[in-house]
Amino acid sequence: MSSFYKIVPELEQGTSEWLEFRKKHITGTEVAHLWSGQVKFEQLRDEKLGLVSKPQLNTEPVLEGKFFEPLIRAHLLTTPLGRKLSPSGVCPTPCLEVVSEPYFMVSLDGLTDMGIPVEIKNSYSKSKTSYKDVLENGSFSKTGKNAGYYAQVQWEIYCTDAPCAVFCTHKSLDGKTFCPDNFKTQIIKRDSEVIKELVAIAHGFKEFMDTGKLPELKVGKRAITPEPQEEVVQLIELYKTQNEAYEAANAALKPLKEQRDETAKLLVELLPEGVNKLETSDCSIVREERKGSIDVEELSQYLVEHKLMSVEQIDTFRRDASYANRIRLK
């Protein structure tokens, strides 16, 4: 066990004793919410002093998460990653205090034999919006950023003095059965800059609790981008090479295209008045008039303003969303 932290014995997560213990500490969830701007210092203080009610812990999403957490942890231990990090097949869920600053604590979803913390996020089975993003992008998802998942994991890495953490995501199809196909792991590396910010926030909140003086800290969520995998780096380099070759070829072809277009214009201008098409043995020369495109946004606004159609009715004519690939080199 690392000398950086100490395990709080006989403190079981979810118990009344655990809830009381948390009031005397700052936790990973709390410091992450302060960091992301989701919670203000005054709000967290009032919660710890019992002046306001804390968020309900018996909602359907929370209860479903509690049900699946041990199943997710058990499944992790059957994967190659889980067996590598915990050869013993055991992954306890301890509560820890930082030795140098006992006010700092963390309640872990798992701690492997290698001392790597595990964070588990079970997406609510009835959610239709966020789970795919969280499943595919983990703590870097839109939901993850807004809820402070990335900061929470960095706090766990700090409190365990670990080089990284394992972020697990899962969603059940029916809210009752574990779904292996909707299970994914993501390795989150230590981010020293974010950890520095979190520690400053935690110290600032402790001082605020002691003195009532708000610290001068810059808090609020900011952009966190994942470190690209080696395969991604290699593909970017390949794309750069291909793009350079394409631009060189395109530059060489541009004068030829301009010359060809000018010749086509001259051919069409030679068509007799009233003749829009001329066939020869070599080609077909056509003068074609195209109607301008309809301004869909302006048309929709007109239909709604004149109460001819509602926005909902207009949306029924909308085609399925399509996606375009766009790479912007810097």
C-alpha atoms as a PDB file:
ATOM      1  CA  MET A   1       0.000   0.000   0.000  1.00  0.00           C
ATOM      2  CA  SER A   2       1.223   3.492  -0.836  1.00  0.00           C
ATOM      3  CA  SER A   3       2.342   5.756   2.001  1.00  0.00           C
ATOM      4  CA  PHE A   4       0.625   8.629   0.181  1.00  0.00           C
ATOM      5  CA  TYR A   5      -2.800   7.610   1.501  1.00  0.00           C
ATOM      6  CA  LYS A   6      -4.359   5.628   4.301  1.00  0.00           C
ATOM      7  CA  ILE A   7      -7.440   3.430   4.132  1.00  0.00           C
ATOM      8  CA  VAL A   8     -10.234   4.337   6.529  1.00  0.00           C
ATOM      9  CA  PRO A   9     -11.080   0.945   8.072  1.00  0.00           C
ATOM     10  CA  GLU A  10     -14.623  -0.325   8.517  1.00  0.00           C
ATOM     11  CA  LEU A  11     -16.141   2.596   6.601  1.00  0.00           C
ATOM     12  CA  GLU A  12     -18.686   1.195   4.180  1.00  0.00           C
ATOM     13  CA  GLN A  13     -19.891   3.361   1.327  1.00  0.00           C
ATOM     14  CA  GLY A  14     -23.563   4.313   1.419  1.00  0.00           C
ATOM     15  CA  THR A  15     -23.977   3.973   5.186  1.00  0.00           C
ATOM     16  CA  SER A  16     -25.017   6.769   7.550  1.00  0.00           C
ATOM     17  CA  GLU A  17     -21.501   6.650   9.057  1.00  0.00           C
ATOM     18  CA  TRP A  18     -20.028   7.182   5.602  1.00  0.00           C
ATOM     19  CA  LEU A  19     -22.333  10.147   4.938  1.00  0.00           C
ATOM     20  CA  GLU A  20     -21.306  11.761   8.237  1.00  0.00           C
ATOM     21  CA  PHE A  21     -17.629  11.097   7.484  1.00  0.00           C
ATOM     22  CA  ARG A  22     -17.964  12.862   4.125  1.00  0.00           C
ATOM     23  CA  LYS A  23     -19.229  16.027   5.812  1.00  0.00           C
ATOM     24  CA  LYS A  24     -15.813  16.452   7.445  1.00  0.00           C
ATOM     25  CA  HIS A  25     -13.908  16.001   4.184  1.00  0.00           C
ATOM     26  CA  ILE A  26     -13.946  17.072   0.565  1.00  0.00           C
ATOM     27  CA  THR A  27     -14.603  14.213  -1.858  1.00  0.00           C
ATOM     28  CA  GLY A  28     -13.830  13.484  -5.480  1.00  0.00           C
ATOM     29  CA  THR A  29     -17.376  14.206  -6.626  1.00  0.00           C
ATOM     30  CA  GLU A  30     -17.457  17.490  -4.711  1.00  0.00           C
ATOM     31  CA  VAL A  31     -14.130  18.853  -5.913  1.00  0.00           C
ATOM     32  CA  ALA A  32     -15.043  17.808  -9.472  1.00  0.00           C
ATOM     33  CA  HIS A  33     -18.346  19.681  -9.262  1.00  0.00           C
ATOM     34  CA  LEU A  34     -16.546  22.782  -7.969  1.00  0.00           C
ATOM     35  CA  TRP A  35     -13.968  22.485 -10.744  1.00  0.00           C
ATOM     36  CA  SER A  36     -16.620  22.102 -13.465  1.00  0.00           C
ATOM     37  CA  GLY A  37     -18.691  24.974 -12.105  1.00  0.00           C
ATOM     38  CA  GLN A  38     -21.653  22.684 -11.472  1.00  0.00           C
ATOM     39  CA  VAL A  39     -21.661  23.597  -7.758  1.00  0.00           C
ATOM     40  CA  LYS A  40     -20.577  26.827  -6.051  1.00  0.00           C
ATOM     41  CA  PHE A  41     -18.539  27.039  -2.836  1.00  0.00           C
ATOM     42  CA  GLU A  42     -21.467  28.470  -0.870  1.00  0.00           C
ATOM     43  CA  GLN A  43     -23.799  25.708  -2.043  1.00  0.00           C
ATOM     44  CA  LEU A  44     -21.401  22.937  -1.029  1.00  0.00           C
ATOM     45  CA  ARG A  45     -20.788  24.613   2.335  1.00  0.00           C
ATOM     46  CA  ASP A  46     -24.521  24.777   3.031  1.00  0.00           C
ATOM     47  CA  GLU A  47     -24.887  21.094   2.118  1.00  0.00           C
ATOM     48  CA  LYS A  48     -22.114  20.069   4.499  1.00  0.00           C
ATOM     49  CA  LEU A  49     -23.605  22.174   7.305  1.00  0.00           C
ATOM     50  CA  GLY A  50     -27.016  20.628   6.716  1.00  0.00           C
ATOM     51  CA  LEU A  51     -28.581  23.968   5.785  1.00  0.00           C
ATOM     52  CA  VAL A  52     -29.972  22.610   2.520  1.00  0.00           C
ATOM     53  CA  SER A  53     -31.046  19.148   1.474  1.00  0.00           C
ATOM     54  CA  LYS A  54     -28.578  17.181  -0.613  1.00  0.00           C
ATOM     55  CA  PRO A  55     -29.583  15.575  -3.919  1.00  0.00           C
ATOM     56  CA  GLN A  56     -31.705  12.461  -3.506  1.00  0.00           C
ATOM     57  CA  LEU A  57     -29.737   9.213  -3.493  1.00  0.00           C
ATOM     58  CA  ASN A  58     -32.748   6.945  -3.999  1.00  0.00           C
ATOM     59  CA  THR A  59     -33.733   7.963  -7.524  1.00  0.00           C
ATOM     60  CA  GLU A  60     -34.137   5.278 -10.191  1.00  0.00           C
ATOM     61  CA  PRO A  61     -30.857   6.121 -12.001  1.00  0.00           C
ATOM     62  CA  VAL A  62     -28.911   6.085  -8.706  1.00  0.00           C
ATOM     63  CA  LEU A  63     -30.485   2.815  -7.520  1.00  0.00           C
ATOM     64  CA  GLU A  64     -29.844   1.204 -10.900  1.00  0.00           C
ATOM     65  CA  GLY A  65     -26.223   2.348 -10.723  1.00  0.00           C
ATOM     66  CA  LYS A  66     -25.821   0.811  -7.266  1.00  0.00           C
ATOM     67  CA  PHE A  67     -27.300  -2.453  -8.529  1.00  0.00           C
ATOM     68  CA  PHE A  68     -24.970  -2.722 -11.515  1.00  0.00           C
ATOM     69  CA  GLU A  69     -21.763  -1.403  -9.937  1.00  0.00           C
ATOM     70  CA  PRO A  70     -20.671  -4.758  -8.401  1.00  0.00           C
ATOM     71  CA  LEU A  71     -21.614  -6.558 -11.632  1.00  0.00           C
ATOM     72  CA  ILE A  72     -19.557  -4.116 -13.695  1.00  0.00           C
ATOM     73  CA  ARG A  73     -16.608  -4.471 -11.311  1.00  0.00           C
ATOM     74  CA  ALA A  74     -16.851  -8.284 -11.445  1.00  0.00           C
ATOM     75  CA  HIS A  75     -16.951  -8.226 -15.244  1.00  0.00           C
ATOM     76  CA  LEU A  76     -13.903  -5.959 -15.374  1.00  0.00           C
ATOM     77  CA  LEU A  77     -11.937  -8.583 -13.438  1.00  0.00           C
ATOM     78  CA  THR A  78     -12.703 -11.166 -16.151  1.00  0.00           C
ATOM     79  CA  THR A  79     -11.220  -9.005 -18.917  1.00  0.00           C
ATOM     80  CA  PRO A  80      -7.526  -9.086 -19.929  1.00  0.00           C
ATOM     81  CA  LEU A  81      -7.099  -5.578 -18.481  1.00  0.00           C
ATOM     82  CA  GLY A  82      -8.735  -6.545 -15.202  1.00  0.00           C
ATOM     83  CA  ARG A  83      -6.665  -9.718 -14.848  1.00  0.00           C
ATOM     84  CA  LYS A  84      -3.494  -7.748 -15.548  1.00  0.00           C
ATOM     85  CA  LEU A  85      -4.241  -5.062 -12.948  1.00  0.00           C
ATOM     86  CA  SER A  86      -5.669  -7.428 -10.315  1.00  0.00           C
ATOM     87  CA  PRO A  87      -4.195 -10.939 -10.682  1.00  0.00           C
ATOM     88  CA  SER A  88      -5.777 -11.829  -7.329  1.00  0.00           C
ATOM     89  CA  GLY A  89      -9.228 -11.430  -8.847  1.00  0.00           C
ATOM     90  CA  VAL A  90     -10.156  -8.994  -6.081  1.00  0.00           C
ATOM     91  CA  CYS A  91     -10.985  -5.300  -6.426  1.00  0.00           C
ATOM     92  CA  PRO A  92     -11.991  -3.728  -3.087  1.00  0.00           C
ATOM     93  CA  THR A  93     -13.862  -0.419  -2.750  1.00  0.00           C
ATOM     94  CA  PRO A  94     -12.053   1.423   0.054  1.00  0.00           C
ATOM     95  CA  CYS A  95     -12.414   4.956   1.369  1.00  0.00           C
ATOM     96  CA  LEU A  96      -9.066   6.761   1.520  1.00  0.00           C
ATOM     97  CA  GLU A  97      -7.586   9.845   3.146  1.00  0.00           C
ATOM     98  CA  VAL A  98      -4.497  11.640   1.843  1.00  0.00           C
ATOM     99  CA  VAL A  99      -1.826  11.384   4.563  1.00  0.00           C
ATOM    100  CA  SER A 100      -0.425  14.886   4.030  1.00  0.00           C
ATOM    101  CA  GLU A 101      -3.916  16.418   4.023  1.00  0.00           C
ATOM    102  CA  PRO A 102      -6.506  14.226   5.817  1.00  0.00           C
ATOM    103  CA  TYR A 103      -9.281  16.613   4.757  1.00  0.00           C
ATOM    104  CA  PHE A 104      -8.926  15.160   1.250  1.00  0.00           C
ATOM    105  CA  MET A 105     -10.770  11.869   0.787  1.00  0.00           C
ATOM    106  CA  VAL A 106     -12.012   9.611  -1.957  1.00  0.00           C
ATOM    107  CA  SER A 107     -14.487   6.724  -2.040  1.00  0.00           C
ATOM    108  CA  LEU A 108     -13.377   4.380  -4.794  1.00  0.00           C
ATOM    109  CA  ASP A 109     -15.469   2.157  -7.035  1.00  0.00           C
ATOM    110  CA  GLY A 110     -12.437  -0.117  -7.094  1.00  0.00           C
ATOM    111  CA  LEU A 111      -8.724  -0.311  -6.319  1.00  0.00           C
ATOM    112  CA  THR A 112      -6.699  -2.917  -8.181  1.00  0.00           C
ATOM    113  CA  ASP A 113      -3.725  -4.956  -6.952  1.00  0.00           C
ATOM    114  CA  MET A 114      -1.496  -2.553  -8.910  1.00  0.00           C
ATOM    115  CA  GLY A 115      -2.894   0.436  -7.000  1.00  0.00           C
ATOM    116  CA  ILE A 116      -4.864   1.716 -10.003  1.00  0.00           C
ATOM    117  CA  PRO A 117      -8.234   3.283  -9.108  1.00  0.00           C
ATOM    118  CA  VAL A 118     -11.402   2.254 -10.936  1.00  0.00           C
ATOM    119  CA  GLU A 119     -14.293   4.622 -11.658  1.00  0.00           C
ATOM    120  CA  ILE A 120     -17.613   3.111 -12.768  1.00  0.00           C
ATOM    121  CA  LYS A 121     -20.396   4.960 -14.549  1.00  0.00           C
ATOM    122  CA  ASN A 122     -23.605   3.078 -15.313  1.00  0.00           C
ATOM    123  CA  SER A 123     -25.793   4.983 -17.765  1.00  0.00           C
ATOM    124  CA  TYR A 124     -29.468   4.845 -16.831  1.00  0.00           C
ATOM    125  CA  SER A 125     -31.229   2.233 -18.986  1.00  0.00           C
ATOM    126  CA  LYS A 126     -34.114   4.594 -19.811  1.00  0.00           C
ATOM    127  CA  SER A 127     -31.833   7.393 -20.955  1.00  0.00           C
ATOM    128  CA  LYS A 128     -31.955   7.876 -24.711  1.00  0.00           C
ATOM    129  CA  THR A 129     -29.502  10.715 -25.088  1.00  0.00           C
ATOM    130  CA  SER A 130     -26.262  10.569 -23.148  1.00  0.00           C
ATOM    131  CA  TYR A 131     -25.314   6.905 -22.854  1.00  0.00           C
ATOM    132  CA  LYS A 132     -23.901   6.447 -26.363  1.00  0.00           C
ATOM    133  CA  ASP A 133     -21.639   9.463 -25.980  1.00  0.00           C
ATOM    134  CA  VAL A 134     -20.485   8.317 -22.535  1.00  0.00           C
ATOM    135  CA  LEU A 135     -20.026   4.734 -23.731  1.00  0.00           C
ATOM    136  CA  GLU A 136     -17.912   5.796 -26.710  1.00  0.00           C
ATOM    137  CA  ASN A 137     -16.021   8.748 -25.215  1.00  0.00           C
ATOM    138  CA  GLY A 138     -16.026   8.048 -21.477  1.00  0.00           C
ATOM    139  CA  SER A 139     -14.920  10.967 -19.344  1.00  0.00           C
ATOM    140  CA  PHE A 140     -14.323  13.013 -22.515  1.00  0.00           C
ATOM    141  CA  SER A 141     -18.019  12.843 -23.457  1.00  0.00           C
ATOM    142  CA  LYS A 142     -20.242  15.907 -23.268  1.00  0.00           C
ATOM    143  CA  THR A 143     -21.999  14.446 -20.234  1.00  0.00           C
ATOM    144  CA  GLY A 144     -18.658  13.541 -18.687  1.00  0.00           C
ATOM    145  CA  LYS A 145     -17.296  17.059 -19.061  1.00  0.00           C
ATOM    146  CA  ASN A 146     -20.450  18.723 -17.748  1.00  0.00           C
ATOM    147  CA  ALA A 147     -20.639  16.400 -14.737  1.00  0.00           C
ATOM    148  CA  GLY A 148     -16.909  16.627 -14.033  1.00  0.00           C
ATOM    149  CA  TYR A 149     -16.123  12.938 -14.649  1.00  0.00           C
ATOM    150  CA  TYR A 150     -12.627  13.755 -15.898  1.00  0.00           C
ATOM    151  CA  ALA A 151     -11.840  15.867 -12.835  1.00  0.00           C
ATOM    152  CA  GLN A 152     -13.301  13.212 -10.544  1.00  0.00           C
ATOM    153  CA  VAL A 153     -11.014  10.574 -12.037  1.00  0.00           C
ATOM    154  CA  GLN A 154      -8.001  12.895 -11.733  1.00  0.00           C
ATOM    155  CA  TRP A 155      -8.824  13.373  -8.040  1.00  0.00           C
ATOM    156  CA  GLU A 156      -8.855   9.599  -7.615  1.00  0.00           C
ATOM    157  CA  ILE A 157      -5.491   9.377  -9.375  1.00  0.00           C
ATOM    158  CA  TYR A 158      -4.125  12.075  -7.064  1.00  0.00           C
ATOM    159  CA  CYS A 159      -5.448  10.508  -3.845  1.00  0.00           C
ATOM    160  CA  THR A 160      -4.044   7.081  -4.759  1.00  0.00           C
ATOM    161  CA  ASP A 161      -0.778   8.512  -6.142  1.00  0.00           C
ATOM    162  CA  ALA A 162      -1.384   6.454  -9.284  1.00  0.00           C
ATOM    163  CA  PRO A 163      -0.146   7.012 -12.856  1.00  0.00           C
ATOM    164  CA  CYS A 164      -3.600   6.411 -14.338  1.00  0.00           C
ATOM    165  CA  ALA A 165      -7.126   5.168 -13.679  1.00  0.00           C
ATOM    166  CA  VAL A 166      -9.601   2.813 -15.334  1.00  0.00           C
ATOM    167  CA  PHE A 167     -12.892   4.427 -16.379  1.00  0.00           C
ATOM    168  CA  CYS A 168     -15.670   1.857 -16.937  1.00  0.00           C
ATOM    169  CA  THR A 169     -18.970   2.589 -18.661  1.00  0.00           C
ATOM    170  CA  HIS A 170     -22.030   0.364 -19.038  1.00  0.00           C
ATOM    171  CA  LYS A 171     -25.685   0.507 -19.971  1.00  0.00           C
ATOM    172  CA  SER A 172     -28.263  -2.217 -19.461  1.00  0.00           C
ATOM    173  CA  LEU A 173     -30.930  -2.776 -22.080  1.00  0.00           C
ATOM    174  CA  ASP A 174     -33.675  -3.452 -19.539  1.00  0.00           C
ATOM    175  CA  GLY A 175     -32.349  -2.073 -16.251  1.00  0.00           C
ATOM    176  CA  LYS A 176     -32.118  -5.586 -14.824  1.00  0.00           C
ATOM    177  CA  THR A 177     -29.539  -7.490 -16.860  1.00  0.00           C
ATOM    178  CA  PHE A 178     -25.829  -6.780 -17.325  1.00  0.00           C
ATOM    179  CA  CYS A 179     -25.014  -6.178 -20.994  1.00  0.00           C
ATOM    180  CA  PRO A 180     -21.401  -7.109 -21.950  1.00  0.00           C
ATOM    181  CA  ASP A 181     -21.809  -5.459 -25.371  1.00  0.00           C
ATOM    182  CA  ASN A 182     -22.471  -2.134 -23.631  1.00  0.00           C
ATOM    183  CA  PHE A 183     -19.401  -2.356 -21.398  1.00  0.00           C
ATOM    184  CA  LYS A 184     -16.268  -0.384 -22.198  1.00  0.00           C
ATOM    185  CA  THR A 185     -13.071   0.621 -20.416  1.00  0.00           C
ATOM    186  CA  GLN A 186     -10.924   3.692 -20.925  1.00  0.00           C
ATOM    187  CA  ILE A 187      -7.478   4.353 -19.467  1.00  0.00           C
ATOM    188  CA  ILE A 188      -7.231   7.917 -18.132  1.00  0.00           C
ATOM    189  CA  LYS A 189      -3.651   9.103 -17.696  1.00  0.00           C
ATOM    190  CA  ARG A 190      -2.510  11.376 -14.902  1.00  0.00           C
ATOM    191  CA  ASP A 191      -3.052  15.055 -15.758  1.00  0.00           C
ATOM    192  CA  SER A 192      -0.749  17.063 -13.503  1.00  0.00           C
ATOM    193  CA  GLU A 193      -2.209  20.422 -14.542  1.00  0.00           C
ATOM    194  CA  VAL A 194      -5.769  19.448 -13.676  1.00  0.00           C
ATOM    195  CA  ILE A 195      -4.644  17.810 -10.426  1.00  0.00           C
ATOM    196  CA  LYS A 196      -2.901  21.052  -9.473  1.00  0.00           C
ATOM    197  CA  GLU A 197      -6.170  22.919 -10.053  1.00  0.00           C
ATOM    198  CA  LEU A 198      -8.171  20.382  -8.027  1.00  0.00           C
ATOM    199  CA  VAL A 199      -5.790  20.509  -5.062  1.00  0.00           C
ATOM    200  CA  ALA A 200      -5.942  24.322  -5.075  1.00  0.00           C
ATOM    201  CA  ILE A 201      -9.754  24.178  -5.115  1.00  0.00           C
ATOM    202  CA  ALA A 202      -9.814  21.640  -2.267  1.00  0.00           C
ATOM    203  CA  HIS A 203      -7.457  23.764  -0.147  1.00  0.00           C
ATOM    204  CA  GLY A 204      -9.531  26.823  -0.990  1.00  0.00           C
ATOM    205  CA  PHE A 205     -12.745  25.124   0.094  1.00  0.00           C
ATOM    206  CA  LYS A 206     -11.200  23.970   3.365  1.00  0.00           C
ATOM    207  CA  GLU A 207     -10.109  27.541   4.083  1.00  0.00           C
ATOM    208  CA  PHE A 208     -13.589  28.757   3.166  1.00  0.00           C
ATOM    209  CA  MET A 209     -15.124  26.324   5.666  1.00  0.00           C
ATOM    210  CA  ASP A 210     -12.687  27.490   8.361  1.00  0.00           C
ATOM    211  CA  THR A 211     -12.762  31.255   7.778  1.00  0.00           C
ATOM    212  CA  GLY A 212     -15.762  31.998   5.563  1.00  0.00           C
ATOM    213  CA  LYS A 213     -13.460  33.739   3.081  1.00  0.00           C
ATOM    214  CA  LEU A 214     -13.978  32.809  -0.545  1.00  0.00           C
ATOM    215  CA  PRO A 215     -10.705  31.906  -2.291  1.00  0.00           C
ATOM    216  CA  GLU A 216      -9.665  33.690  -5.461  1.00  0.00           C
ATOM    217  CA  LEU A 217      -9.689  30.718  -7.792  1.00  0.00           C
ATOM    218  CA  LYS A 218     -10.598  30.279 -11.419  1.00  0.00           C
ATOM    219  CA  VAL A 219     -13.179  27.521 -11.514  1.00  0.00           C
ATOM    220  CA  GLY A 220     -15.530  26.349 -14.222  1.00  0.00           C
ATOM    221  CA  LYS A 221     -15.393  23.631 -16.823  1.00  0.00           C
ATOM    222  CA  ARG A 222     -12.936  24.004 -19.649  1.00  0.00           C
ATOM    223  CA  ALA A 223     -12.043  22.015 -22.705  1.00  0.00           C
ATOM    224  CA  ILE A 224     -10.296  18.726 -21.975  1.00  0.00           C
ATOM    225  CA  THR A 225      -9.199  16.755 -25.009  1.00  0.00           C
ATOM    226  CA  PRO A 226      -8.087  13.127 -24.961  1.00  0.00           C
ATOM    227  CA  GLU A 227      -4.531  12.232 -25.810  1.00  0.00           C
ATOM    228  CA  PRO A 228      -4.627  10.568 -29.252  1.00  0.00           C
ATOM    229  CA  GLN A 229      -3.739   6.889 -29.489  1.00  0.00           C
ATOM    230  CA  GLU A 230      -0.684   5.823 -31.499  1.00  0.00           C
ATOM    231  CA  GLU A 231      -2.904   4.539 -34.308  1.00  0.00           C
ATOM    232  CA  VAL A 232      -4.575   7.960 -34.542  1.00  0.00           C
ATOM    233  CA  VAL A 233      -1.195   9.729 -34.629  1.00  0.00           C
ATOM    234  CA  GLN A 234      -0.035   7.473 -37.486  1.00  0.00           C
ATOM    235  CA  LEU A 235      -3.247   8.067 -39.461  1.00  0.00           C
ATOM    236  CA  ILE A 236      -2.908  11.834 -39.019  1.00  0.00           C
ATOM    237  CA  GLU A 237       0.623  11.697 -40.447  1.00  0.00           C
ATOM    238  CA  LEU A 238      -0.643   9.601 -43.369  1.00  0.00           C
ATOM    239  CA  TYR A 239      -3.453  12.105 -43.959  1.00  0.00           C
ATOM    240  CA  LYS A 240      -0.945  14.981 -43.961  1.00  0.00           C
ATOM    241  CA  THR A 241       1.163  13.242 -46.622  1.00  0.00           C
ATOM    242  CA  GLN A 242      -1.879  12.441 -48.754  1.00  0.00           C
ATOM    243  CA  ASN A 243      -3.242  15.974 -48.373  1.00  0.00           C
ATOM    244  CA  GLU A 244       0.055  17.519 -49.498  1.00  0.00           C
ATOM    245  CA  ALA A 245       0.070  15.293 -52.599  1.00  0.00           C
ATOM    246  CA  TYR A 246      -3.579  16.143 -53.297  1.00  0.00           C
ATOM    247  CA  GLU A 247      -3.023  19.896 -52.986  1.00  0.00           C
ATOM    248  CA  ALA A 248       0.027  19.720 -55.276  1.00  0.00           C
ATOM    249  CA  ALA A 249      -1.932  17.769 -57.908  1.00  0.00           C
ATOM    250  CA  ASN A 250      -4.927  20.082 -57.527  1.00  0.00           C
ATOM    251  CA  ALA A 251      -2.710  23.143 -58.011  1.00  0.00           C
ATOM    252  CA  ALA A 252      -1.306  21.616 -61.211  1.00  0.00           C
ATOM    253  CA  LEU A 253      -4.802  20.783 -62.513  1.00  0.00           C
ATOM    254  CA  LYS A 254      -6.367  24.154 -61.712  1.00  0.00           C
ATOM    255  CA  PRO A 255      -5.042  25.997 -64.835  1.00  0.00           C
ATOM    256  CA  LEU A 256      -6.156  23.094 -67.053  1.00  0.00           C
ATOM    257  CA  LYS A 257      -9.646  23.164 -65.519  1.00  0.00           C
ATOM    258  CA  GLU A 258      -9.921  26.929 -66.068  1.00  0.00           C
ATOM    259  CA  GLN A 259      -8.858  26.531 -69.707  1.00  0.00           C
ATOM    260  CA  ARG A 260     -11.346  23.683 -70.228  1.00  0.00           C
ATOM    261  CA  ASP A 261     -14.208  25.681 -68.666  1.00  0.00           C
ATOM    262  CA  GLU A 262     -13.407  28.685 -70.886  1.00  0.00           C
ATOM    263  CA  THR A 263     -13.501  26.487 -74.015  1.00  0.00           C
ATOM    264  CA  ALA A 264     -16.850  25.001 -72.916  1.00  0.00           C
ATOM    265  CA  LYS A 265     -18.235  28.518 -72.473  1.00  0.00           C
ATOM    266  CA  LEU A 266     -17.137  29.472 -76.016  1.00  0.00           C
ATOM    267  CA  LEU A 267     -18.761  26.331 -77.473  1.00  0.00           C
ATOM    268  CA  VAL A 268     -22.107  27.085 -75.787  1.00  0.00           C
ATOM    269  CA  GLU A 269     -21.987  30.730 -76.936  1.00  0.00           C
ATOM    270  CA  LEU A 270     -21.695  29.498 -80.556  1.00  0.00           C
ATOM    271  CA  LEU A 271     -25.076  27.722 -80.355  1.00  0.00           C
ATOM    272  CA  PRO A 272     -27.644  29.424 -82.647  1.00  0.00           C
ATOM    273  CA  GLU A 273     -30.372  31.540 -81.020  1.00  0.00           C
ATOM    274  CA  GLY A 274     -33.195  29.332 -79.768  1.00  0.00           C
ATOM    275  CA  VAL A 275     -31.076  26.167 -79.956  1.00  0.00           C
ATOM    276  CA  ASN A 276     -30.157  24.738 -76.570  1.00  0.00           C
ATOM    277  CA  LYS A 277     -28.623  21.464 -77.671  1.00  0.00           C
ATOM    278  CA  LEU A 278     -26.338  20.405 -80.492  1.00  0.00           C
ATOM    279  CA  GLU A 279     -25.191  16.856 -81.140  1.00  0.00           C
ATOM    280  CA  THR A 280     -21.992  16.069 -83.051  1.00  0.00           C
ATOM    281  CA  SER A 281     -20.182  12.821 -83.630  1.00  0.00           C
ATOM    282  CA  ASP A 282     -17.719  13.798 -80.908  1.00  0.00           C
ATOM    283  CA  CYS A 283     -19.815  15.430 -78.169  1.00  0.00           C
ATOM    284  CA  SER A 284     -23.075  16.937 -76.991  1.00  0.00           C
ATOM    285  CA  ILE A 285     -23.240  20.724 -76.427  1.00  0.00           C
ATOM    286  CA  VAL A 286     -26.040  21.832 -74.105  1.00  0.00           C
ATOM    287  CA  ARG A 287     -27.198  25.249 -72.878  1.00  0.00           C
ATOM    288  CA  GLU A 288     -28.984  24.524 -69.583  1.00  0.00           C
ATOM    289  CA  GLU A 289     -30.835  26.858 -67.248  1.00  0.00           C
ATOM    290  CA  ARG A 290     -31.024  25.773 -63.629  1.00  0.00           C
ATOM    291  CA  LYS A 291     -33.508  27.117 -61.133  1.00  0.00           C
ATOM    292  CA  GLY A 292     -32.123  28.691 -57.990  1.00  0.00           C
ATOM    293  CA  SER A 293     -32.361  26.706 -54.778  1.00  0.00           C
ATOM    294  CA  ILE A 294     -35.113  27.399 -52.236  1.00  0.00           C
ATOM    295  CA  ASP A 295     -34.109  29.038 -48.974  1.00  0.00           C
ATOM    296  CA  VAL A 296     -35.505  26.333 -46.683  1.00  0.00           C
ATOM    297  CA  GLU A 297     -34.997  28.351 -43.512  1.00  0.00           C
ATOM    298  CA  GLU A 298     -36.844  31.364 -44.941  1.00  0.00           C
ATOM    299  CA  LEU A 299     -39.637  29.143 -46.287  1.00  0.00           C
ATOM    300  CA  SER A 300     -40.044  27.426 -42.908  1.00  0.00           C
ATOM    301  CA  GLN A 301     -40.217  30.796 -41.174  1.00  0.00           C
ATOM    302  CA  TYR A 302     -42.891  31.957 -43.646  1.00  0.00           C
ATOM    303  CA  LEU A 303     -45.006  28.825 -43.120  1.00  0.00           C
ATOM    304  CA  VAL A 304     -44.836  29.154 -39.345  1.00  0.00           C
ATOM    305  CA  GLU A 305     -45.483  32.914 -39.266  1.00  0.00           C
ATOM    306  CA  HIS A 306     -48.530  32.554 -41.522  1.00  0.00           C
ATOM    307  CA  LYS A 307     -49.727  29.548 -39.491  1.00  0.00           C
ATOM    308  CA  LEU A 308     -49.716  27.292 -42.535  1.00  0.00           C
ATOM    309  CA  MET A 309     -47.565  24.656 -40.805  1.00  0.00           C
ATOM    310  CA  SER A 310     -46.053  24.189 -37.368  1.00  0.00           C
ATOM    311  CA  VAL A 311     -42.368  23.564 -36.715  1.00  0.00           C
ATOM    312  CA  GLU A 312     -43.249  19.993 -35.717  1.00  0.00           C
ATOM    313  CA  GLN A 313     -45.089  19.437 -39.017  1.00  0.00           C
ATOM    314  CA  ILE A 314     -42.169  20.830 -40.995  1.00  0.00           C
ATOM    315  CA  ASP A 315     -39.783  18.510 -39.137  1.00  0.00           C
ATOM    316  CA  THR A 316     -41.716  15.475 -40.394  1.00  0.00           C
ATOM    317  CA  PHE A 317     -40.352  16.270 -43.871  1.00  0.00           C
ATOM    318  CA  ARG A 318     -36.772  16.385 -42.616  1.00  0.00           C
ATOM    319  CA  ARG A 319     -34.492  13.669 -43.940  1.00  0.00           C
ATOM    320  CA  ASP A 320     -32.333  11.604 -41.591  1.00  0.00           C
ATOM    321  CA  ALA A 321     -29.242  13.366 -40.324  1.00  0.00           C
ATOM    322  CA  SER A 322     -26.101  12.835 -42.363  1.00  0.00           C
ATOM    323  CA  TYR A 323     -22.516  13.304 -41.295  1.00  0.00           C
ATOM    324  CA  ALA A 324     -19.586  14.746 -43.222  1.00  0.00           C
ATOM    325  CA  ASN A 325     -15.957  13.911 -42.528  1.00  0.00           C
ATOM    326  CA  ARG A 326     -13.916  17.047 -41.896  1.00  0.00           C
ATOM    327  CA  ILE A 327     -10.235  17.139 -41.031  1.00  0.00           C
ATOM    328  CA  ARG A 328      -8.614  20.517 -40.383  1.00  0.00           C
ATOM    329  CA  LEU A 329      -4.836  20.494 -40.268  1.00  0.00           C
ATOM    330  CA  LYS A 330      -3.090  23.035 -38.028  1.00  0.00           C
END
